[in-house]
Amino acid sequence: MSGPRRRLLAWLQRRPAARAWSLLGPGMLWLVLFFLVPLLIMAAYSLMPRGTYGGVQPGFTLQHYRRFFDPLYLAILQRTLVWSLVCTAVCLLLGYPVAYLVARAGRWRAALLFLVVLPFWTSFLVRTFAMIFLLRDSGLVNTVLLRLGLIDAPLTLLYTPFAVLLGLVYGFLPFMILPIYASLEKLDPTLLEAAETLGATPLAGFRRITLPLSLPGVVAGCFLVFIPAMGSFLTSDLLGGAKQLMIGNLIQNQFAAARNWPFGSAASFVVTALVLVAVTVYLRVRDRAAEGTG
């Protein structure tokens, strides 16, 4: 080891704070360059007038934020909130039993966990296109139903709210399963055995032991599903067509086709602020509830 490197390591060992910052430095630098700086640029753009041929021009204005609260855009925001909440609820109803099964699968746990993460090996775009082949009029779903005689004509599944919600649930379901599995996998089975010994039914043991101890995973899974669903635009664009716009489609169109960067930035910041407020309120309520029970 060279002399300067040895002296640097000795200096870091004598100063724990400097050693901590040396470990945090690369990650902090990455976040500043590729997260904070782009956010600051978008914040500046949202307060500047739109250029004549797109982009921005020097000046200051709040018209882009005022424009966002037009009933047209509020309706899109409301649709996005409803669909994101429904997607989160469906993912929770489907994901919790799957996570519970995987956590209690014994020797099959690794294989089942592999099946849960297997969709991540394929591009999200490819998986969304696969949904199109399943839901179109001549797709697999309609073909099977027609051959079974359950329907007389193909069902209109594609380019509907159902298709968008199905695509959102399919895309984000693993994000609900994995955090819940991580909480359930750590659960001590002797607690359930003790509850059973004391006369608790399986349902009572689940309600009083399993569910409360898995709530951190449930909360994490809900956040991991709800927040990406709020910003999703690819699923609604491909499975919903032009009739099923979400707020992500609006923002993407402003930066691409409309070339209205200031309004797109303002819309993005409003959505981000709403999500942060909702998360903050939830965490405050949860902490107060925990203090009350404690």
C-alpha atoms as a PDB file:
ATOM      1  CA  MET A   1       0.000   0.000   0.000  1.00  0.00           C
ATOM      2  CA  SER A   2       1.381   3.385  -0.973  1.00  0.00           C
ATOM      3  CA  GLY A   3       2.238   6.026   1.615  1.00  0.00           C
ATOM      4  CA  PRO A   4      -0.507   8.584   0.681  1.00  0.00           C
ATOM      5  CA  ARG A   5      -3.187   5.905   0.672  1.00  0.00           C
ATOM      6  CA  ARG A   6      -2.011   4.603   4.061  1.00  0.00           C
ATOM      7  CA  ARG A   7      -2.114   8.118   5.519  1.00  0.00           C
ATOM      8  CA  LEU A   8      -5.608   8.689   4.070  1.00  0.00           C
ATOM      9  CA  LEU A   9      -6.921   5.475   5.632  1.00  0.00           C
ATOM     10  CA  ALA A  10      -5.326   6.349   8.979  1.00  0.00           C
ATOM     11  CA  TRP A  11      -6.912   9.823   8.832  1.00  0.00           C
ATOM     12  CA  LEU A  12     -10.332   8.326   8.091  1.00  0.00           C
ATOM     13  CA  GLN A  13     -10.019   5.875  10.963  1.00  0.00           C
ATOM     14  CA  ARG A  14      -9.311   8.729  13.390  1.00  0.00           C
ATOM     15  CA  ARG A  15     -12.379  10.660  12.180  1.00  0.00           C
ATOM     16  CA  PRO A  16     -15.584   8.566  12.165  1.00  0.00           C
ATOM     17  CA  ALA A  17     -17.620  11.405  10.635  1.00  0.00           C
ATOM     18  CA  ALA A  18     -15.236  11.735   7.710  1.00  0.00           C
ATOM     19  CA  ARG A  19     -15.302   7.957   7.229  1.00  0.00           C
ATOM     20  CA  ALA A  20     -19.112   7.997   7.139  1.00  0.00           C
ATOM     21  CA  TRP A  21     -19.161  10.816   4.579  1.00  0.00           C
ATOM     22  CA  SER A  22     -16.624   8.974   2.430  1.00  0.00           C
ATOM     23  CA  LEU A  23     -19.055   6.056   2.255  1.00  0.00           C
ATOM     24  CA  LEU A  24     -22.086   8.256   1.619  1.00  0.00           C
ATOM     25  CA  GLY A  25     -20.310  10.483  -0.887  1.00  0.00           C
ATOM     26  CA  PRO A  26     -20.760   8.449  -4.112  1.00  0.00           C
ATOM     27  CA  GLY A  27     -24.441   7.829  -3.461  1.00  0.00           C
ATOM     28  CA  MET A  28     -25.065  11.449  -2.476  1.00  0.00           C
ATOM     29  CA  LEU A  29     -23.272  12.662  -5.588  1.00  0.00           C
ATOM     30  CA  TRP A  30     -25.421  10.410  -7.777  1.00  0.00           C
ATOM     31  CA  LEU A  31     -28.633  11.666  -6.147  1.00  0.00           C
ATOM     32  CA  VAL A  32     -27.596  15.301  -6.484  1.00  0.00           C
ATOM     33  CA  LEU A  33     -26.596  15.020 -10.158  1.00  0.00           C
ATOM     34  CA  PHE A  34     -29.416  12.819 -11.417  1.00  0.00           C
ATOM     35  CA  PHE A  35     -32.262  13.616  -9.016  1.00  0.00           C
ATOM     36  CA  LEU A  36     -31.901  16.982  -7.308  1.00  0.00           C
ATOM     37  CA  VAL A  37     -30.472  18.921 -10.257  1.00  0.00           C
ATOM     38  CA  PRO A  38     -33.205  17.755 -12.703  1.00  0.00           C
ATOM     39  CA  LEU A  39     -35.853  18.631 -10.111  1.00  0.00           C
ATOM     40  CA  LEU A  40     -34.419  22.141  -9.737  1.00  0.00           C
ATOM     41  CA  ILE A  41     -34.389  22.565 -13.522  1.00  0.00           C
ATOM     42  CA  MET A  42     -38.033  21.481 -13.737  1.00  0.00           C
ATOM     43  CA  ALA A  43     -38.938  23.833 -10.884  1.00  0.00           C
ATOM     44  CA  ALA A  44     -37.358  26.719 -12.762  1.00  0.00           C
ATOM     45  CA  TYR A  45     -39.108  25.727 -16.003  1.00  0.00           C
ATOM     46  CA  SER A  46     -42.500  25.582 -14.288  1.00  0.00           C
ATOM     47  CA  LEU A  47     -42.191  29.267 -13.364  1.00  0.00           C
ATOM     48  CA  MET A  48     -41.074  30.494 -16.802  1.00  0.00           C
ATOM     49  CA  PRO A  49     -43.212  31.403 -19.852  1.00  0.00           C
ATOM     50  CA  ARG A  50     -43.388  29.007 -22.743  1.00  0.00           C
ATOM     51  CA  GLY A  51     -41.214  29.808 -25.757  1.00  0.00           C
ATOM     52  CA  THR A  52     -42.789  30.652 -29.086  1.00  0.00           C
ATOM     53  CA  TYR A  53     -41.615  27.414 -30.704  1.00  0.00           C
ATOM     54  CA  GLY A  54     -41.540  25.316 -27.541  1.00  0.00           C
ATOM     55  CA  GLY A  55     -39.140  25.225 -24.649  1.00  0.00           C
ATOM     56  CA  VAL A  56     -38.981  28.192 -22.291  1.00  0.00           C
ATOM     57  CA  GLN A  57     -38.081  31.838 -22.384  1.00  0.00           C
ATOM     58  CA  PRO A  58     -36.844  34.182 -19.611  1.00  0.00           C
ATOM     59  CA  GLY A  59     -39.499  35.496 -17.270  1.00  0.00           C
ATOM     60  CA  PHE A  60     -41.684  34.580 -14.310  1.00  0.00           C
ATOM     61  CA  THR A  61     -45.287  33.389 -14.321  1.00  0.00           C
ATOM     62  CA  LEU A  62     -47.699  31.232 -12.312  1.00  0.00           C
ATOM     63  CA  GLN A  63     -50.106  30.684 -15.184  1.00  0.00           C
ATOM     64  CA  HIS A  64     -49.043  27.062 -15.666  1.00  0.00           C
ATOM     65  CA  TYR A  65     -50.052  26.186 -12.108  1.00  0.00           C
ATOM     66  CA  ARG A  66     -53.353  28.048 -12.493  1.00  0.00           C
ATOM     67  CA  ARG A  67     -54.000  26.247 -15.782  1.00  0.00           C
ATOM     68  CA  PHE A  68     -53.562  22.850 -14.141  1.00  0.00           C
ATOM     69  CA  PHE A  69     -56.646  23.464 -11.978  1.00  0.00           C
ATOM     70  CA  ASP A  70     -58.880  23.719 -15.030  1.00  0.00           C
ATOM     71  CA  PRO A  71     -61.778  21.183 -14.766  1.00  0.00           C
ATOM     72  CA  LEU A  72     -60.401  19.282 -17.768  1.00  0.00           C
ATOM     73  CA  TYR A  73     -57.100  18.502 -16.057  1.00  0.00           C
ATOM     74  CA  LEU A  74     -58.719  17.989 -12.650  1.00  0.00           C
ATOM     75  CA  ALA A  75     -60.893  15.274 -14.207  1.00  0.00           C
ATOM     76  CA  ILE A  76     -57.755  13.525 -15.488  1.00  0.00           C
ATOM     77  CA  LEU A  77     -56.175  13.839 -12.038  1.00  0.00           C
ATOM     78  CA  GLN A  78     -59.299  12.425 -10.393  1.00  0.00           C
ATOM     79  CA  ARG A  79     -59.330   9.471 -12.786  1.00  0.00           C
ATOM     80  CA  THR A  80     -55.664   8.825 -12.048  1.00  0.00           C
ATOM     81  CA  LEU A  81     -56.226   8.901  -8.286  1.00  0.00           C
ATOM     82  CA  VAL A  82     -59.187   6.531  -8.488  1.00  0.00           C
ATOM     83  CA  TRP A  83     -57.404   4.065 -10.752  1.00  0.00           C
ATOM     84  CA  SER A  84     -54.249   4.158  -8.632  1.00  0.00           C
ATOM     85  CA  LEU A  85     -56.249   3.485  -5.457  1.00  0.00           C
ATOM     86  CA  VAL A  86     -58.181   0.653  -7.115  1.00  0.00           C
ATOM     87  CA  CYS A  87     -54.944  -0.818  -8.454  1.00  0.00           C
ATOM     88  CA  THR A  88     -53.389  -0.656  -4.978  1.00  0.00           C
ATOM     89  CA  ALA A  89     -56.424  -2.285  -3.360  1.00  0.00           C
ATOM     90  CA  VAL A  90     -56.580  -5.105  -5.925  1.00  0.00           C
ATOM     91  CA  CYS A  91     -52.827  -5.714  -5.649  1.00  0.00           C
ATOM     92  CA  LEU A  92     -53.195  -5.931  -1.864  1.00  0.00           C
ATOM     93  CA  LEU A  93     -56.101  -8.388  -2.079  1.00  0.00           C
ATOM     94  CA  LEU A  94     -54.210 -10.565  -4.558  1.00  0.00           C
ATOM     95  CA  GLY A  95     -50.697 -10.066  -3.239  1.00  0.00           C
ATOM     96  CA  TYR A  96     -51.204 -10.775   0.470  1.00  0.00           C
ATOM     97  CA  PRO A  97     -52.369 -14.399   0.020  1.00  0.00           C
ATOM     98  CA  VAL A  98     -49.557 -15.022  -2.474  1.00  0.00           C
ATOM     99  CA  ALA A  99     -46.961 -13.557  -0.101  1.00  0.00           C
ATOM    100  CA  TYR A 100     -48.374 -15.625   2.773  1.00  0.00           C
ATOM    101  CA  LEU A 101     -48.221 -18.785   0.657  1.00  0.00           C
ATOM    102  CA  VAL A 102     -44.628 -18.114  -0.409  1.00  0.00           C
ATOM    103  CA  ALA A 103     -43.534 -17.371   3.168  1.00  0.00           C
ATOM    104  CA  ARG A 104     -45.044 -20.677   4.386  1.00  0.00           C
ATOM    105  CA  ALA A 105     -43.987 -22.783   1.388  1.00  0.00           C
ATOM    106  CA  GLY A 106     -41.016 -24.447   3.083  1.00  0.00           C
ATOM    107  CA  ARG A 107     -38.704 -26.071   0.545  1.00  0.00           C
ATOM    108  CA  TRP A 108     -40.778 -24.633  -2.321  1.00  0.00           C
ATOM    109  CA  ARG A 109     -40.205 -21.074  -1.125  1.00  0.00           C
ATOM    110  CA  ALA A 110     -37.272 -20.351  -3.429  1.00  0.00           C
ATOM    111  CA  ALA A 111     -39.096 -21.671  -6.493  1.00  0.00           C
ATOM    112  CA  LEU A 112     -42.237 -19.659  -5.772  1.00  0.00           C
ATOM    113  CA  LEU A 113     -40.217 -16.533  -5.061  1.00  0.00           C
ATOM    114  CA  PHE A 114     -38.467 -17.041  -8.382  1.00  0.00           C
ATOM    115  CA  LEU A 115     -41.850 -17.094 -10.133  1.00  0.00           C
ATOM    116  CA  VAL A 116     -42.800 -13.824  -8.429  1.00  0.00           C
ATOM    117  CA  VAL A 117     -39.699 -11.990  -9.651  1.00  0.00           C
ATOM    118  CA  LEU A 118     -39.655 -13.704 -13.049  1.00  0.00           C
ATOM    119  CA  PRO A 119     -41.665 -10.915 -14.782  1.00  0.00           C
ATOM    120  CA  PHE A 120     -38.846  -8.485 -13.994  1.00  0.00           C
ATOM    121  CA  TRP A 121     -36.667 -10.400 -16.441  1.00  0.00           C
ATOM    122  CA  THR A 122     -38.823  -9.067 -19.281  1.00  0.00           C
ATOM    123  CA  SER A 123     -39.202  -5.451 -20.325  1.00  0.00           C
ATOM    124  CA  PHE A 124     -42.329  -3.726 -19.016  1.00  0.00           C
ATOM    125  CA  LEU A 125     -43.057  -2.613 -22.578  1.00  0.00           C
ATOM    126  CA  VAL A 126     -42.950  -6.196 -23.860  1.00  0.00           C
ATOM    127  CA  ARG A 127     -45.269  -7.358 -21.081  1.00  0.00           C
ATOM    128  CA  THR A 128     -47.724  -4.581 -21.898  1.00  0.00           C
ATOM    129  CA  PHE A 129     -47.727  -5.555 -25.569  1.00  0.00           C
ATOM    130  CA  ALA A 130     -48.414  -9.132 -24.468  1.00  0.00           C
ATOM    131  CA  MET A 131     -51.550  -7.865 -22.725  1.00  0.00           C
ATOM    132  CA  ILE A 132     -52.690  -6.386 -26.042  1.00  0.00           C
ATOM    133  CA  PHE A 133     -52.459  -9.805 -27.724  1.00  0.00           C
ATOM    134  CA  LEU A 134     -54.472 -11.294 -24.859  1.00  0.00           C
ATOM    135  CA  LEU A 135     -57.247  -8.680 -24.766  1.00  0.00           C
ATOM    136  CA  ARG A 136     -57.828  -7.730 -28.394  1.00  0.00           C
ATOM    137  CA  ASP A 137     -60.918  -8.943 -30.244  1.00  0.00           C
ATOM    138  CA  SER A 138     -59.016 -11.855 -31.820  1.00  0.00           C
ATOM    139  CA  GLY A 139     -56.862 -12.411 -28.748  1.00  0.00           C
ATOM    140  CA  LEU A 140     -56.525 -15.426 -26.500  1.00  0.00           C
ATOM    141  CA  VAL A 141     -59.253 -14.422 -24.026  1.00  0.00           C
ATOM    142  CA  ASN A 142     -61.956 -13.898 -26.652  1.00  0.00           C
ATOM    143  CA  THR A 143     -60.874 -16.972 -28.617  1.00  0.00           C
ATOM    144  CA  VAL A 144     -61.171 -19.241 -25.578  1.00  0.00           C
ATOM    145  CA  LEU A 145     -64.538 -17.789 -24.571  1.00  0.00           C
ATOM    146  CA  LEU A 146     -65.900 -18.175 -28.110  1.00  0.00           C
ATOM    147  CA  ARG A 147     -64.762 -21.788 -28.416  1.00  0.00           C
ATOM    148  CA  LEU A 148     -66.285 -22.634 -25.037  1.00  0.00           C
ATOM    149  CA  GLY A 149     -69.559 -21.131 -26.187  1.00  0.00           C
ATOM    150  CA  LEU A 150     -69.707 -18.649 -23.326  1.00  0.00           C
ATOM    151  CA  ILE A 151     -70.075 -15.650 -25.668  1.00  0.00           C
ATOM    152  CA  ASP A 152     -71.505 -15.194 -29.160  1.00  0.00           C
ATOM    153  CA  ALA A 153     -69.353 -12.230 -30.201  1.00  0.00           C
ATOM    154  CA  PRO A 154     -65.935 -10.970 -29.080  1.00  0.00           C
ATOM    155  CA  LEU A 155     -65.960  -8.831 -25.961  1.00  0.00           C
ATOM    156  CA  THR A 156     -64.585  -5.301 -26.121  1.00  0.00           C
ATOM    157  CA  LEU A 157     -61.754  -5.608 -23.605  1.00  0.00           C
ATOM    158  CA  LEU A 158     -59.000  -3.516 -25.137  1.00  0.00           C
ATOM    159  CA  TYR A 159     -58.991   0.298 -24.883  1.00  0.00           C
ATOM    160  CA  THR A 160     -61.257   0.274 -21.835  1.00  0.00           C
ATOM    161  CA  PRO A 161     -60.782   1.201 -18.165  1.00  0.00           C
ATOM    162  CA  PHE A 162     -60.795  -2.533 -17.397  1.00  0.00           C
ATOM    163  CA  ALA A 163     -57.802  -3.070 -19.682  1.00  0.00           C
ATOM    164  CA  VAL A 164     -55.884  -0.211 -18.058  1.00  0.00           C
ATOM    165  CA  LEU A 165     -56.575  -1.465 -14.527  1.00  0.00           C
ATOM    166  CA  LEU A 166     -55.688  -5.019 -15.526  1.00  0.00           C
ATOM    167  CA  GLY A 167     -52.405  -3.813 -17.000  1.00  0.00           C
ATOM    168  CA  LEU A 168     -51.596  -1.752 -13.889  1.00  0.00           C
ATOM    169  CA  VAL A 169     -52.310  -4.669 -11.557  1.00  0.00           C
ATOM    170  CA  TYR A 170     -50.301  -7.055 -13.713  1.00  0.00           C
ATOM    171  CA  GLY A 171     -47.353  -4.675 -13.837  1.00  0.00           C
ATOM    172  CA  PHE A 172     -47.210  -3.682 -10.169  1.00  0.00           C
ATOM    173  CA  LEU A 173     -48.389  -6.826  -8.364  1.00  0.00           C
ATOM    174  CA  PRO A 174     -44.819  -8.052  -7.603  1.00  0.00           C
ATOM    175  CA  PHE A 175     -44.117  -4.736  -5.851  1.00  0.00           C
ATOM    176  CA  MET A 176     -46.883  -5.596  -3.403  1.00  0.00           C
ATOM    177  CA  ILE A 177     -45.940  -9.244  -2.917  1.00  0.00           C
ATOM    178  CA  LEU A 178     -42.241  -8.788  -2.149  1.00  0.00           C
ATOM    179  CA  PRO A 179     -42.481  -6.332   0.835  1.00  0.00           C
ATOM    180  CA  ILE A 180     -45.302  -8.334   2.402  1.00  0.00           C
ATOM    181  CA  TYR A 181     -43.308 -11.530   1.926  1.00  0.00           C
ATOM    182  CA  ALA A 182     -40.304  -9.912   3.618  1.00  0.00           C
ATOM    183  CA  SER A 183     -42.462  -9.132   6.677  1.00  0.00           C
ATOM    184  CA  LEU A 184     -44.164 -12.526   6.824  1.00  0.00           C
ATOM    185  CA  GLU A 185     -40.916 -14.421   6.327  1.00  0.00           C
ATOM    186  CA  LYS A 186     -39.544 -12.901   9.545  1.00  0.00           C
ATOM    187  CA  LEU A 187     -42.634 -13.877  11.557  1.00  0.00           C
ATOM    188  CA  ASP A 188     -41.816 -16.289  14.373  1.00  0.00           C
ATOM    189  CA  PRO A 189     -44.105 -19.352  13.941  1.00  0.00           C
ATOM    190  CA  THR A 190     -43.929 -20.049  17.673  1.00  0.00           C
ATOM    191  CA  LEU A 191     -46.164 -17.015  18.225  1.00  0.00           C
ATOM    192  CA  LEU A 192     -48.947 -18.681  16.252  1.00  0.00           C
ATOM    193  CA  GLU A 193     -48.321 -21.963  18.066  1.00  0.00           C
ATOM    194  CA  ALA A 194     -48.609 -20.171  21.409  1.00  0.00           C
ATOM    195  CA  ALA A 195     -51.851 -18.499  20.309  1.00  0.00           C
ATOM    196  CA  GLU A 196     -53.268 -21.863  19.225  1.00  0.00           C
ATOM    197  CA  THR A 197     -52.256 -23.387  22.561  1.00  0.00           C
ATOM    198  CA  LEU A 198     -54.136 -20.606  24.360  1.00  0.00           C
ATOM    199  CA  GLY A 199     -57.279 -21.396  22.382  1.00  0.00           C
ATOM    200  CA  ALA A 200     -57.131 -18.898  19.539  1.00  0.00           C
ATOM    201  CA  THR A 201     -58.700 -19.938  16.255  1.00  0.00           C
ATOM    202  CA  PRO A 202     -56.635 -19.666  13.032  1.00  0.00           C
ATOM    203  CA  LEU A 203     -58.645 -16.589  12.058  1.00  0.00           C
ATOM    204  CA  ALA A 204     -58.051 -14.949  15.429  1.00  0.00           C
ATOM    205  CA  GLY A 205     -54.340 -15.754  15.238  1.00  0.00           C
ATOM    206  CA  PHE A 206     -54.146 -14.179  11.816  1.00  0.00           C
ATOM    207  CA  ARG A 207     -56.082 -11.081  12.895  1.00  0.00           C
ATOM    208  CA  ARG A 208     -54.194 -10.490  16.145  1.00  0.00           C
ATOM    209  CA  ILE A 209     -50.674 -11.713  15.287  1.00  0.00           C
ATOM    210  CA  THR A 210     -49.948 -12.204  11.603  1.00  0.00           C
ATOM    211  CA  LEU A 211     -51.697  -9.145  10.219  1.00  0.00           C
ATOM    212  CA  PRO A 212     -50.357  -6.589  12.759  1.00  0.00           C
ATOM    213  CA  LEU A 213     -46.793  -7.863  12.419  1.00  0.00           C
ATOM    214  CA  SER A 214     -47.006  -7.732   8.616  1.00  0.00           C
ATOM    215  CA  LEU A 215     -48.384  -4.177   8.473  1.00  0.00           C
ATOM    216  CA  PRO A 216     -44.953  -2.607   7.717  1.00  0.00           C
ATOM    217  CA  GLY A 217     -44.757  -4.759   4.587  1.00  0.00           C
ATOM    218  CA  VAL A 218     -48.348  -3.886   3.668  1.00  0.00           C
ATOM    219  CA  VAL A 219     -47.653  -0.168   3.993  1.00  0.00           C
ATOM    220  CA  ALA A 220     -44.431  -0.435   1.987  1.00  0.00           C
ATOM    221  CA  GLY A 221     -46.197  -2.444  -0.709  1.00  0.00           C
ATOM    222  CA  CYS A 222     -49.051   0.068  -0.941  1.00  0.00           C
ATOM    223  CA  PHE A 223     -46.569   2.907  -1.394  1.00  0.00           C
ATOM    224  CA  LEU A 224     -44.567   0.960  -3.971  1.00  0.00           C
ATOM    225  CA  VAL A 225     -47.736   0.334  -5.996  1.00  0.00           C
ATOM    226  CA  PHE A 226     -49.653   3.585  -5.552  1.00  0.00           C
ATOM    227  CA  ILE A 227     -46.837   6.022  -6.341  1.00  0.00           C
ATOM    228  CA  PRO A 228     -45.676   4.370  -9.610  1.00  0.00           C
ATOM    229  CA  ALA A 229     -49.318   3.876 -10.645  1.00  0.00           C
ATOM    230  CA  MET A 230     -49.881   7.617 -10.243  1.00  0.00           C
ATOM    231  CA  GLY A 231     -47.084   8.374 -12.694  1.00  0.00           C
ATOM    232  CA  SER A 232     -47.740   5.531 -15.116  1.00  0.00           C
ATOM    233  CA  PHE A 233     -48.410   6.515 -18.722  1.00  0.00           C
ATOM    234  CA  LEU A 234     -47.301   3.541 -20.824  1.00  0.00           C
ATOM    235  CA  THR A 235     -50.071   1.210 -19.638  1.00  0.00           C
ATOM    236  CA  SER A 236     -52.904   3.685 -20.215  1.00  0.00           C
ATOM    237  CA  ASP A 237     -51.379   4.741 -23.537  1.00  0.00           C
ATOM    238  CA  LEU A 238     -51.152   1.206 -24.964  1.00  0.00           C
ATOM    239  CA  LEU A 239     -54.107  -0.503 -23.271  1.00  0.00           C
ATOM    240  CA  GLY A 240     -56.431   2.472 -22.938  1.00  0.00           C
ATOM    241  CA  GLY A 241     -55.790   4.334 -26.167  1.00  0.00           C
ATOM    242  CA  ALA A 242     -56.502   8.041 -26.447  1.00  0.00           C
ATOM    243  CA  LYS A 243     -59.763   7.649 -24.494  1.00  0.00           C
ATOM    244  CA  GLN A 244     -58.231   6.651 -21.148  1.00  0.00           C
ATOM    245  CA  LEU A 245     -55.754   9.406 -20.265  1.00  0.00           C
ATOM    246  CA  MET A 246     -53.964   9.440 -16.939  1.00  0.00           C
ATOM    247  CA  ILE A 247     -51.942  12.273 -15.494  1.00  0.00           C
ATOM    248  CA  GLY A 248     -48.744  10.576 -16.647  1.00  0.00           C
ATOM    249  CA  ASN A 249     -50.006  10.731 -20.246  1.00  0.00           C
ATOM    250  CA  LEU A 250     -50.736  14.433 -19.843  1.00  0.00           C
ATOM    251  CA  ILE A 251     -47.228  15.184 -18.558  1.00  0.00           C
ATOM    252  CA  GLN A 252     -45.569  13.005 -21.210  1.00  0.00           C
ATOM    253  CA  ASN A 253     -47.551  14.693 -23.984  1.00  0.00           C
ATOM    254  CA  GLN A 254     -46.584  18.146 -22.762  1.00  0.00           C
ATOM    255  CA  PHE A 255     -42.887  17.319 -22.922  1.00  0.00           C
ATOM    256  CA  ALA A 256     -43.095  15.443 -26.233  1.00  0.00           C
ATOM    257  CA  ALA A 257     -45.878  16.352 -28.667  1.00  0.00           C
ATOM    258  CA  ALA A 258     -47.040  19.706 -27.266  1.00  0.00           C
ATOM    259  CA  ARG A 259     -43.507  20.895 -26.398  1.00  0.00           C
ATOM    260  CA  ASN A 260     -44.971  22.813 -23.469  1.00  0.00           C
ATOM    261  CA  TRP A 261     -42.214  22.162 -20.968  1.00  0.00           C
ATOM    262  CA  PRO A 262     -43.349  24.743 -18.385  1.00  0.00           C
ATOM    263  CA  PHE A 263     -46.863  23.301 -18.098  1.00  0.00           C
ATOM    264  CA  GLY A 264     -45.531  19.743 -18.033  1.00  0.00           C
ATOM    265  CA  SER A 265     -43.150  20.709 -15.232  1.00  0.00           C
ATOM    266  CA  ALA A 266     -45.925  22.433 -13.279  1.00  0.00           C
ATOM    267  CA  ALA A 267     -48.233  19.417 -13.632  1.00  0.00           C
ATOM    268  CA  SER A 268     -45.441  17.116 -12.506  1.00  0.00           C
ATOM    269  CA  PHE A 269     -44.764  19.202  -9.415  1.00  0.00           C
ATOM    270  CA  VAL A 270     -48.455  19.391  -8.475  1.00  0.00           C
ATOM    271  CA  VAL A 271     -48.773  15.598  -8.657  1.00  0.00           C
ATOM    272  CA  THR A 272     -45.556  15.154  -6.681  1.00  0.00           C
ATOM    273  CA  ALA A 273     -46.811  17.580  -4.014  1.00  0.00           C
ATOM    274  CA  LEU A 274     -50.132  15.742  -3.727  1.00  0.00           C
ATOM    275  CA  VAL A 275     -48.392  12.392  -3.290  1.00  0.00           C
ATOM    276  CA  LEU A 276     -46.006  13.812  -0.675  1.00  0.00           C
ATOM    277  CA  VAL A 277     -48.879  15.401   1.256  1.00  0.00           C
ATOM    278  CA  ALA A 278     -50.856  12.139   1.207  1.00  0.00           C
ATOM    279  CA  VAL A 279     -47.853  10.124   2.402  1.00  0.00           C
ATOM    280  CA  THR A 280     -47.022  12.672   5.124  1.00  0.00           C
ATOM    281  CA  VAL A 281     -50.607  12.755   6.414  1.00  0.00           C
ATOM    282  CA  TYR A 282     -50.769   8.972   6.485  1.00  0.00           C
ATOM    283  CA  LEU A 283     -47.494   8.686   8.402  1.00  0.00           C
ATOM    284  CA  ARG A 284     -48.633  11.325  10.911  1.00  0.00           C
ATOM    285  CA  VAL A 285     -51.933   9.512  11.502  1.00  0.00           C
ATOM    286  CA  ARG A 286     -50.132   6.186  11.851  1.00  0.00           C
ATOM    287  CA  ASP A 287     -47.645   7.580  14.382  1.00  0.00           C
ATOM    288  CA  ARG A 288     -50.427   9.160  16.457  1.00  0.00           C
ATOM    289  CA  ALA A 289     -52.389   5.922  16.398  1.00  0.00           C
ATOM    290  CA  ALA A 290     -49.280   4.046  17.533  1.00  0.00           C
ATOM    291  CA  GLU A 291     -48.734   6.542  20.361  1.00  0.00           C
ATOM    292  CA  GLY A 292     -52.364   6.193  21.421  1.00  0.00           C
ATOM    293  CA  THR A 293     -52.193   2.413  21.577  1.00  0.00           C
ATOM    294  CA  GLY A 294     -48.835   2.566  23.336  1.00  0.00           C
END
